[in-house]
Amino acid sequence: MGRLPIDAIKMDASFADRIAHYADDRPVMRNIVDLAHALGLDVYAEGLDRPGQLDDAVRLGCEGMQGLLISGPVEAKFAERMLEAEWTAMLDGVPEGAALTPAK
């Protein structure tokens, strides 16, 4: 897996459902996230529809989250405005011409 041309994995929504209902699955999820991080991969959790699922994803160390709790489906133009607003907020106060490097 370390030689594949990927930089992230996405955990299916079924994992978010299972971790909320089956405590025995938490160690499996923890190992998946730990293995991905050991391979230098980011982990994105999808299907987060309830606050408890978001808490679990944060506790596990997922770098990104996706689901109705974050946002419902949106049209492309609205998504562009959301991303522009997010970047504007993130860059507020950064001096013009500053070198920006992605966090890893």
Protein backbone atom coordinates (compact mmCIF):
# COMPACT_ATOMS: atom_id res chain seq x y z
CA MET A 1 0.00 0.00 0.00
CA GLY A 2 2.91 2.33 0.69
CA ARG A 3 3.87 2.22 -3.01
CA LEU A 4 0.46 3.10 -4.36
CA PRO A 5 0.12 6.62 -5.80
CA ILE A 6 -2.28 7.80 -3.09
CA ASP A 7 -2.01 10.31 -0.27
CA ALA A 8 -5.24 9.56 1.58
CA ILE A 9 -7.84 6.92 2.29
CA LYS A 10 -11.54 7.43 2.83
CA MET A 11 -13.36 5.34 5.41
CA ASP A 12 -16.77 4.29 4.19
CA ALA A 13 -19.91 5.52 5.93
CA SER A 14 -20.59 1.99 7.17
CA PHE A 15 -17.61 2.38 9.52
CA ALA A 16 -19.11 5.55 11.04
CA ASP A 17 -22.36 3.66 11.65
CA ARG A 18 -20.66 0.61 13.14
CA ILE A 19 -18.39 2.47 15.53
CA ALA A 20 -21.42 4.22 17.03
CA HIS A 21 -23.24 0.94 17.67
CA TYR A 22 -20.52 -1.65 18.21
CA ALA A 23 -17.78 -0.80 20.71
CA ASP A 24 -15.85 -3.90 19.60
CA ASP A 25 -15.19 -2.20 16.24
CA ARG A 26 -13.34 0.77 17.78
CA PRO A 27 -9.96 -1.05 17.98
CA VAL A 28 -10.30 -2.07 14.33
CA MET A 29 -10.99 1.54 13.33
CA ARG A 30 -8.08 2.75 15.47
CA ASN A 31 -5.76 0.27 13.74
CA ILE A 32 -6.93 1.35 10.27
CA VAL A 33 -6.24 5.00 11.09
CA ASP A 34 -2.90 4.21 12.74
CA LEU A 35 -1.79 2.09 9.77
CA ALA A 36 -2.77 4.82 7.31
CA HIS A 37 -0.85 7.41 9.31
CA ALA A 38 2.18 5.10 9.57
CA LEU A 39 2.13 4.94 5.76
CA GLY A 40 1.98 8.74 5.55
CA LEU A 41 -1.65 8.82 4.45
CA ASP A 42 -4.40 11.15 5.60
CA VAL A 43 -7.71 9.60 6.64
CA TYR A 44 -11.10 10.99 5.66
CA ALA A 45 -14.27 9.76 7.34
CA GLU A 46 -17.43 9.84 5.29
CA GLY A 47 -21.07 9.45 6.22
CA LEU A 48 -20.95 11.60 9.35
CA ASP A 49 -24.58 12.39 10.00
CA ARG A 50 -24.68 12.59 13.81
CA PRO A 51 -22.55 14.55 16.33
CA GLY A 52 -21.29 11.34 17.99
CA GLN A 53 -19.86 10.18 14.66
CA LEU A 54 -17.99 13.45 14.28
CA ASP A 55 -16.59 13.08 17.80
CA ASP A 56 -15.42 9.55 16.98
CA ALA A 57 -13.72 10.69 13.76
CA VAL A 58 -11.91 13.49 15.59
CA ARG A 59 -10.86 11.13 18.41
CA LEU A 60 -9.52 8.63 15.88
CA GLY A 61 -7.42 11.35 14.25
CA CYS A 62 -9.14 11.66 10.89
CA GLU A 63 -7.88 14.65 8.92
CA GLY A 64 -11.13 15.22 7.05
CA MET A 65 -14.80 14.58 7.47
CA GLN A 66 -17.68 14.33 5.04
CA GLY A 67 -21.39 13.87 5.61
CA LEU A 68 -24.70 15.56 6.18
CA LEU A 69 -23.51 16.81 9.57
CA ILE A 70 -20.85 18.85 7.75
CA SER A 71 -22.97 19.87 4.76
CA GLY A 72 -25.76 18.49 2.65
CA PRO A 73 -25.44 18.28 -1.13
CA VAL A 74 -24.83 21.69 -2.72
CA GLU A 75 -24.70 22.98 -6.27
CA ALA A 76 -21.26 23.57 -7.78
CA LYS A 77 -21.50 27.39 -7.65
CA PHE A 78 -22.39 27.30 -3.95
CA ALA A 79 -19.54 24.86 -3.26
CA GLU A 80 -17.13 27.24 -4.99
CA ARG A 81 -18.34 30.11 -2.77
CA MET A 82 -17.99 27.94 0.34
CA LEU A 83 -14.41 27.05 -0.58
CA GLU A 84 -13.55 30.65 -1.44
CA ALA A 85 -14.94 31.82 1.91
CA GLU A 86 -12.98 29.11 3.73
CA TRP A 87 -9.74 30.09 1.99
CA THR A 88 -10.40 33.77 2.61
CA ALA A 89 -10.92 33.08 6.32
CA MET A 90 -7.81 30.91 6.49
CA LEU A 91 -5.66 33.50 4.73
CA ASP A 92 -6.96 36.47 6.71
CA GLY A 93 -3.94 38.12 8.29
CA VAL A 94 -1.36 36.26 6.18
CA PRO A 95 1.01 38.82 4.65
CA GLU A 96 0.74 39.16 0.88
CA GLY A 97 3.44 37.15 -0.87
CA ALA A 98 4.02 34.87 2.15
CA ALA A 99 5.09 31.37 1.22
CA LEU A 100 2.35 28.91 2.07
CA THR A 101 3.20 25.26 2.48
CA PRO A 102 0.66 22.51 3.05
CA ALA A 103 0.59 21.01 6.54
CA LYS A 104 1.57 17.35 6.72
